[in-house]
Each structure stands twice: as structure tokens, then as C-alpha cells.
């Protein structure tokens, strides 16, 4: 069993996430021999005001 957790800023579409999980599943199967039926993937979507880099909230960077 394998689990991948992806944390990213909120805003991706369902279709983008659908394509990503398909490609990730294929890559993990091919490169690490992960059984696709035993793989789980979760997206943790974080709003810009809950995510910071270099001492600045991402939401503040966008408005600057």
C-alpha cells in the first residue's frame, strides 16, 4: 500500500486534479511497482492566507 499526500494552494480544477492523479498513479506503478489498486492520493488545498513563504502570507504576495 502506498499513499501520496499533496499540499497545494487552493484553486485547481477537478479536471486538473483528475489528470494529475492519473499520471501520478501511472508513474508510481511504472517506477516503483506500486499496485494502482492499493494507492491512495489526497489533495490538501490550502487558502493563500494559511500559507506563507519567506515570512509573507501568499495572499499578501498576490495583492502586492
PDB file of N, CA and C in Angstrom:
ATOM      1  N   UNK A   1       0.843  -1.174   0.000  1.00  0.00           N
ATOM      2  CA  UNK A   1       0.000   0.000   0.000  1.00  0.00           C
ATOM      3  C   UNK A   1       0.886   1.235   0.000  1.00  0.00           C
ATOM      4  N   UNK A   2       0.475   2.224  -0.755  1.00  0.00           N
ATOM      5  CA  UNK A   2       1.191   3.498  -0.801  1.00  0.00           C
ATOM      6  C   UNK A   2       0.173   4.627  -0.718  1.00  0.00           C
ATOM      7  N   UNK A   3       0.617   5.721  -0.111  1.00  0.00           N
ATOM      8  CA  UNK A   3      -0.236   6.902  -0.008  1.00  0.00           C
ATOM      9  C   UNK A   3       0.597   8.128  -0.360  1.00  0.00           C
ATOM     10  N   UNK A   4       0.035   8.979  -1.202  1.00  0.00           N
ATOM     11  CA  UNK A   4       0.661  10.240  -1.572  1.00  0.00           C
ATOM     12  C   UNK A   4      -0.242  11.358  -1.098  1.00  0.00           C
ATOM     13  N   UNK A   5       0.340  12.322  -0.407  1.00  0.00           N
ATOM     14  CA  UNK A   5      -0.411  13.489   0.061  1.00  0.00           C
ATOM     15  C   UNK A   5       0.212  14.720  -0.577  1.00  0.00           C
ATOM     16  N   UNK A   6      -0.605  15.495  -1.247  1.00  0.00           N
ATOM     17  CA  UNK A   6      -0.140  16.677  -1.959  1.00  0.00           C
ATOM     18  C   UNK A   6      -0.776  17.903  -1.324  1.00  0.00           C
ATOM     19  N   UNK A   7       0.053  18.811  -0.847  1.00  0.00           N
ATOM     20  CA  UNK A   7      -0.436  20.065  -0.284  1.00  0.00           C
ATOM     21  C   UNK A   7      -0.159  21.162  -1.295  1.00  0.00           C
ATOM     22  N   UNK A   8      -1.200  21.915  -1.639  1.00  0.00           N
ATOM     23  CA  UNK A   8      -1.044  22.960  -2.628  1.00  0.00           C
ATOM     24  C   UNK A   8      -2.045  24.079  -2.367  1.00  0.00           C
ATOM     25  N   UNK A   9      -1.763  25.227  -2.955  1.00  0.00           N
ATOM     26  CA  UNK A   9      -2.703  26.331  -2.825  1.00  0.00           C
ATOM     27  C   UNK A   9      -4.021  25.966  -3.496  1.00  0.00           C
ATOM     28  N   UNK A  10      -5.114  26.368  -2.902  1.00  0.00           N
ATOM     29  CA  UNK A  10      -6.437  26.095  -3.459  1.00  0.00           C
ATOM     30  C   UNK A  10      -6.578  26.791  -4.805  1.00  0.00           C
ATOM     31  N   UNK A  11      -7.390  26.205  -5.669  1.00  0.00           N
ATOM     32  CA  UNK A  11      -7.688  26.870  -6.929  1.00  0.00           C
ATOM     33  C   UNK A  11      -7.590  25.986  -8.154  1.00  0.00           C
ATOM     34  N   UNK A  12      -7.096  24.767  -8.007  1.00  0.00           N
ATOM     35  CA  UNK A  12      -7.042  23.872  -9.164  1.00  0.00           C
ATOM     36  C   UNK A  12      -8.435  23.317  -9.438  1.00  0.00           C
ATOM     37  N   UNK A  13      -8.688  23.021 -10.692  1.00  0.00           N
ATOM     38  CA  UNK A  13      -9.987  22.465 -11.060  1.00  0.00           C
ATOM     39  C   UNK A  13     -10.005  20.962 -10.795  1.00  0.00           C
ATOM     40  N   UNK A  14     -11.201  20.417 -10.761  1.00  0.00           N
ATOM     41  CA  UNK A  14     -11.344  18.967 -10.613  1.00  0.00           C
ATOM     42  C   UNK A  14     -10.672  18.252 -11.774  1.00  0.00           C
ATOM     43  N   UNK A  15     -10.784  18.791 -12.962  1.00  0.00           N
ATOM     44  CA  UNK A  15     -10.171  18.157 -14.126  1.00  0.00           C
ATOM     45  C   UNK A  15      -8.648  18.150 -14.008  1.00  0.00           C
ATOM     46  N   UNK A  16      -8.049  19.212 -13.494  1.00  0.00           N
ATOM     47  CA  UNK A  16      -6.600  19.231 -13.289  1.00  0.00           C
ATOM     48  C   UNK A  16      -6.182  18.155 -12.291  1.00  0.00           C
ATOM     49  N   UNK A  17      -6.929  18.035 -11.210  1.00  0.00           N
ATOM     50  CA  UNK A  17      -6.608  17.019 -10.202  1.00  0.00           C
ATOM     51  C   UNK A  17      -6.837  15.619 -10.757  1.00  0.00           C
ATOM     52  N   UNK A  18      -7.851  15.461 -11.560  1.00  0.00           N
ATOM     53  CA  UNK A  18      -8.135  14.157 -12.182  1.00  0.00           C
ATOM     54  C   UNK A  18      -6.963  13.723 -13.065  1.00  0.00           C
ATOM     55  N   UNK A  19      -6.459  14.653 -13.879  1.00  0.00           N
ATOM     56  CA  UNK A  19      -5.312  14.333 -14.744  1.00  0.00           C
ATOM     57  C   UNK A  19      -4.063  14.037 -13.913  1.00  0.00           C
ATOM     58  N   UNK A  20      -3.866  14.810 -12.845  1.00  0.00           N
ATOM     59  CA  UNK A  20      -2.683  14.622 -12.002  1.00  0.00           C
ATOM     60  C   UNK A  20      -2.680  13.238 -11.351  1.00  0.00           C
ATOM     61  N   UNK A  21      -3.819  12.822 -10.787  1.00  0.00           N
ATOM     62  CA  UNK A  21      -3.834  11.514 -10.121  1.00  0.00           C
ATOM     63  C   UNK A  21      -3.648  10.381 -11.113  1.00  0.00           C
ATOM     64  N   UNK A  22      -4.151  10.555 -12.312  1.00  0.00           N
ATOM     65  CA  UNK A  22      -3.956   9.523 -13.337  1.00  0.00           C
ATOM     66  C   UNK A  22      -2.471   9.387 -13.665  1.00  0.00           C
ATOM     67  N   UNK A  23      -1.793  10.517 -13.874  1.00  0.00           N
ATOM     68  CA  UNK A  23      -0.369  10.491 -14.224  1.00  0.00           C
ATOM     69  C   UNK A  23       0.492  10.030 -13.053  1.00  0.00           C
ATOM     70  N   UNK A  24       0.167  10.490 -11.844  1.00  0.00           N
ATOM     71  CA  UNK A  24       0.921  10.055 -10.661  1.00  0.00           C
ATOM     72  C   UNK A  24       0.784   8.553 -10.454  1.00  0.00           C
ATOM     73  N   UNK A  25      -0.420   8.061 -10.598  1.00  0.00           N
ATOM     74  CA  UNK A  25      -0.655   6.623 -10.436  1.00  0.00           C
ATOM     75  C   UNK A  25       0.159   5.839 -11.445  1.00  0.00           C
ATOM     76  N   UNK A  26       0.148   6.272 -12.692  1.00  0.00           N
ATOM     77  CA  UNK A  26       0.907   5.588 -13.739  1.00  0.00           C
ATOM     78  C   UNK A  26       2.406   5.625 -13.430  1.00  0.00           C
ATOM     79  N   UNK A  27       2.921   6.797 -13.040  1.00  0.00           N
ATOM     80  CA  UNK A  27       4.358   6.919 -12.755  1.00  0.00           C
ATOM     81  C   UNK A  27       4.772   6.052 -11.570  1.00  0.00           C
ATOM     82  N   UNK A  28       3.983   6.054 -10.501  1.00  0.00           N
ATOM     83  CA  UNK A  28       4.332   5.250  -9.330  1.00  0.00           C
ATOM     84  C   UNK A  28       4.262   3.757  -9.646  1.00  0.00           C
ATOM     85  N   UNK A  29       3.321   3.379 -10.478  1.00  0.00           N
ATOM     86  CA  UNK A  29       3.235   1.974 -10.892  1.00  0.00           C
ATOM     87  C   UNK A  29       4.464   1.582 -11.706  1.00  0.00           C
ATOM     88  N   UNK A  30       4.824   2.430 -12.679  1.00  0.00           N
ATOM     89  CA  UNK A  30       5.949   2.112 -13.566  1.00  0.00           C
ATOM     90  C   UNK A  30       7.298   2.195 -12.854  1.00  0.00           C
ATOM     91  N   UNK A  31       7.500   3.214 -12.035  1.00  0.00           N
ATOM     92  CA  UNK A  31       8.816   3.449 -11.442  1.00  0.00           C
ATOM     93  C   UNK A  31       9.046   2.716 -10.120  1.00  0.00           C
ATOM     94  N   UNK A  32       7.984   2.529  -9.338  1.00  0.00           N
ATOM     95  CA  UNK A  32       8.143   1.927  -8.010  1.00  0.00           C
ATOM     96  C   UNK A  32       7.351   0.636  -7.829  1.00  0.00           C
ATOM     97  N   UNK A  33       6.719   0.171  -8.910  1.00  0.00           N
ATOM     98  CA  UNK A  33       5.941  -1.064  -8.879  1.00  0.00           C
ATOM     99  C   UNK A  33       4.804  -0.999  -7.855  1.00  0.00           C
ATOM    100  N   UNK A  34       4.219   0.175  -7.688  1.00  0.00           N
ATOM    101  CA  UNK A  34       3.077   0.341  -6.789  1.00  0.00           C
ATOM    102  C   UNK A  34       1.828  -0.193  -7.481  1.00  0.00           C
ATOM    103  N   UNK A  35       1.082  -1.009  -6.772  1.00  0.00           N
ATOM    104  CA  UNK A  35      -0.171  -1.539  -7.294  1.00  0.00           C
ATOM    105  C   UNK A  35      -1.204  -0.405  -7.299  1.00  0.00           C
ATOM    106  N   UNK A  36      -1.703   0.000  -8.478  1.00  0.00           N
ATOM    107  CA  UNK A  36      -2.661   1.101  -8.536  1.00  0.00           C
ATOM    108  C   UNK A  36      -3.901   0.891  -7.663  1.00  0.00           C
ATOM    109  N   UNK A  37      -4.301  -0.350  -7.474  1.00  0.00           N
ATOM    110  CA  UNK A  37      -5.476  -0.625  -6.653  1.00  0.00           C
ATOM    111  C   UNK A  37      -5.207  -0.415  -5.167  1.00  0.00           C
ATOM    112  N   UNK A  38      -3.938  -0.306  -4.794  1.00  0.00           N
ATOM    113  CA  UNK A  38      -3.575  -0.123  -3.387  1.00  0.00           C
ATOM    114  C   UNK A  38      -3.004   1.267  -3.123  1.00  0.00           C
ATOM    115  N   UNK A  39      -3.103   2.150  -4.109  1.00  0.00           N
ATOM    116  CA  UNK A  39      -2.576   3.503  -3.990  1.00  0.00           C
ATOM    117  C   UNK A  39      -3.696   4.481  -3.661  1.00  0.00           C
ATOM    118  N   UNK A  40      -3.452   5.323  -2.665  1.00  0.00           N
ATOM    119  CA  UNK A  40      -4.381   6.414  -2.379  1.00  0.00           C
ATOM    120  C   UNK A  40      -3.625   7.729  -2.520  1.00  0.00           C
ATOM    121  N   UNK A  41      -4.347   8.745  -2.985  1.00  0.00           N
ATOM    122  CA  UNK A  41      -3.779  10.080  -3.159  1.00  0.00           C
ATOM    123  C   UNK A  41      -4.756  11.076  -2.572  1.00  0.00           C
ATOM    124  N   UNK A  42      -4.256  11.990  -1.754  1.00  0.00           N
ATOM    125  CA  UNK A  42      -5.115  13.051  -1.228  1.00  0.00           C
ATOM    126  C   UNK A  42      -4.520  14.403  -1.582  1.00  0.00           C
ATOM    127  N   UNK A  43      -5.414  15.343  -1.837  1.00  0.00           N
ATOM    128  CA  UNK A  43      -5.030  16.740  -2.042  1.00  0.00           C
ATOM    129  C   UNK A  43      -5.441  17.515  -0.803  1.00  0.00           C
ATOM    130  N   UNK A  44      -4.506  18.246  -0.239  1.00  0.00           N
ATOM    131  CA  UNK A  44      -4.784  19.153   0.868  1.00  0.00           C
ATOM    132  C   UNK A  44      -4.700  20.550   0.267  1.00  0.00           C
ATOM    133  N   UNK A  45      -5.843  21.191   0.102  1.00  0.00           N
ATOM    134  CA  UNK A  45      -5.875  22.515  -0.511  1.00  0.00           C
ATOM    135  C   UNK A  45      -5.864  23.586   0.575  1.00  0.00           C
ATOM    136  N   UNK A  46      -4.895  24.474   0.469  1.00  0.00           N
ATOM    137  CA  UNK A  46      -4.664  25.481   1.494  1.00  0.00           C
ATOM    138  C   UNK A  46      -4.968  26.862   0.905  1.00  0.00           C
ATOM    139  N   UNK A  47      -5.805  27.657   1.575  1.00  0.00           N
ATOM    140  CA  UNK A  47      -6.023  29.021   1.089  1.00  0.00           C
ATOM    141  C   UNK A  47      -4.756  29.855   1.258  1.00  0.00           C
ATOM    142  N   UNK A  48      -4.618  30.864   0.427  1.00  0.00           N
ATOM    143  CA  UNK A  48      -3.422  31.699   0.443  1.00  0.00           C
ATOM    144  C   UNK A  48      -3.152  32.381   1.769  1.00  0.00           C
ATOM    145  N   UNK A  49      -4.191  32.600   2.577  1.00  0.00           N
ATOM    146  CA  UNK A  49      -3.953  33.243   3.873  1.00  0.00           C
ATOM    147  C   UNK A  49      -3.549  32.247   4.955  1.00  0.00           C
ATOM    148  N   UNK A  50      -3.429  30.962   4.591  1.00  0.00           N
ATOM    149  CA  UNK A  50      -2.934  29.934   5.510  1.00  0.00           C
ATOM    150  C   UNK A  50      -1.613  29.347   5.049  1.00  0.00           C
ATOM    151  N   UNK A  51      -0.951  30.015   4.129  1.00  0.00           N
ATOM    152  CA  UNK A  51       0.280  29.502   3.541  1.00  0.00           C
ATOM    153  C   UNK A  51       1.245  30.668   3.409  1.00  0.00           C
ATOM    154  N   UNK A  52       2.472  30.482   3.838  1.00  0.00           N
ATOM    155  CA  UNK A  52       3.447  31.572   3.794  1.00  0.00           C
ATOM    156  C   UNK A  52       4.779  31.085   3.251  1.00  0.00           C
ATOM    157  N   UNK A  53       5.515  32.018   2.683  1.00  0.00           N
ATOM    158  CA  UNK A  53       6.866  31.742   2.218  1.00  0.00           C
ATOM    159  C   UNK A  53       7.712  32.976   2.497  1.00  0.00           C
ATOM    160  N   UNK A  54       8.875  32.752   3.048  1.00  0.00           N
ATOM    161  CA  UNK A  54       9.820  33.833   3.323  1.00  0.00           C
ATOM    162  C   UNK A  54       9.198  34.917   4.206  1.00  0.00           C
ATOM    163  N   UNK A  55       8.404  34.499   5.179  1.00  0.00           N
ATOM    164  CA  UNK A  55       7.845  35.431   6.147  1.00  0.00           C
ATOM    165  C   UNK A  55       6.652  36.230   5.678  1.00  0.00           C
ATOM    166  N   UNK A  56       6.090  35.868   4.523  1.00  0.00           N
ATOM    167  CA  UNK A  56       4.953  36.613   3.982  1.00  0.00           C
ATOM    168  C   UNK A  56       3.850  35.640   3.578  1.00  0.00           C
ATOM    169  N   UNK A  57       2.615  35.964   3.971  1.00  0.00           N
ATOM    170  CA  UNK A  57       1.493  35.154   3.529  1.00  0.00           C
ATOM    171  C   UNK A  57       1.382  35.205   2.016  1.00  0.00           C
ATOM    172  N   UNK A  58       1.055  34.080   1.423  1.00  0.00           N
ATOM    173  CA  UNK A  58       0.899  34.032  -0.027  1.00  0.00           C
ATOM    174  C   UNK A  58      -0.190  34.994  -0.483  1.00  0.00           C
ATOM    175  N   UNK A  59      -1.258  35.109   0.295  1.00  0.00           N
ATOM    176  CA  UNK A  59      -2.339  36.019  -0.075  1.00  0.00           C
ATOM    177  C   UNK A  59      -1.861  37.469  -0.101  1.00  0.00           C
ATOM    178  N   UNK A  60      -0.898  37.823   0.733  1.00  0.00           N
ATOM    179  CA  UNK A  60      -0.357  39.181   0.714  1.00  0.00           C
ATOM    180  C   UNK A  60       0.539  39.388  -0.501  1.00  0.00           C
ATOM    181  N   UNK A  61       1.202  38.379  -0.946  1.00  0.00           N
ATOM    182  CA  UNK A  61       2.062  38.485  -2.130  1.00  0.00           C
ATOM    183  C   UNK A  61       1.217  38.726  -3.389  1.00  0.00           C
ATOM    184  N   UNK A  62       0.087  38.080  -3.469  1.00  0.00           N
ATOM    185  CA  UNK A  62      -0.761  38.197  -4.639  1.00  0.00           C
ATOM    186  C   UNK A  62      -1.327  39.605  -4.806  1.00  0.00           C
ATOM    187  N   UNK A  63      -1.579  40.269  -3.669  1.00  0.00           N
ATOM    188  CA  UNK A  63      -2.182  41.594  -3.754  1.00  0.00           C
ATOM    189  C   UNK A  63      -1.147  42.700  -3.862  1.00  0.00           C
ATOM    190  N   UNK A  64       0.119  42.366  -3.758  1.00  0.00           N
ATOM    191  CA  UNK A  64       1.166  43.398  -3.801  1.00  0.00           C
ATOM    192  C   UNK A  64       1.535  43.764  -5.230  1.00  0.00           C
TER     193      UNK A  64
END
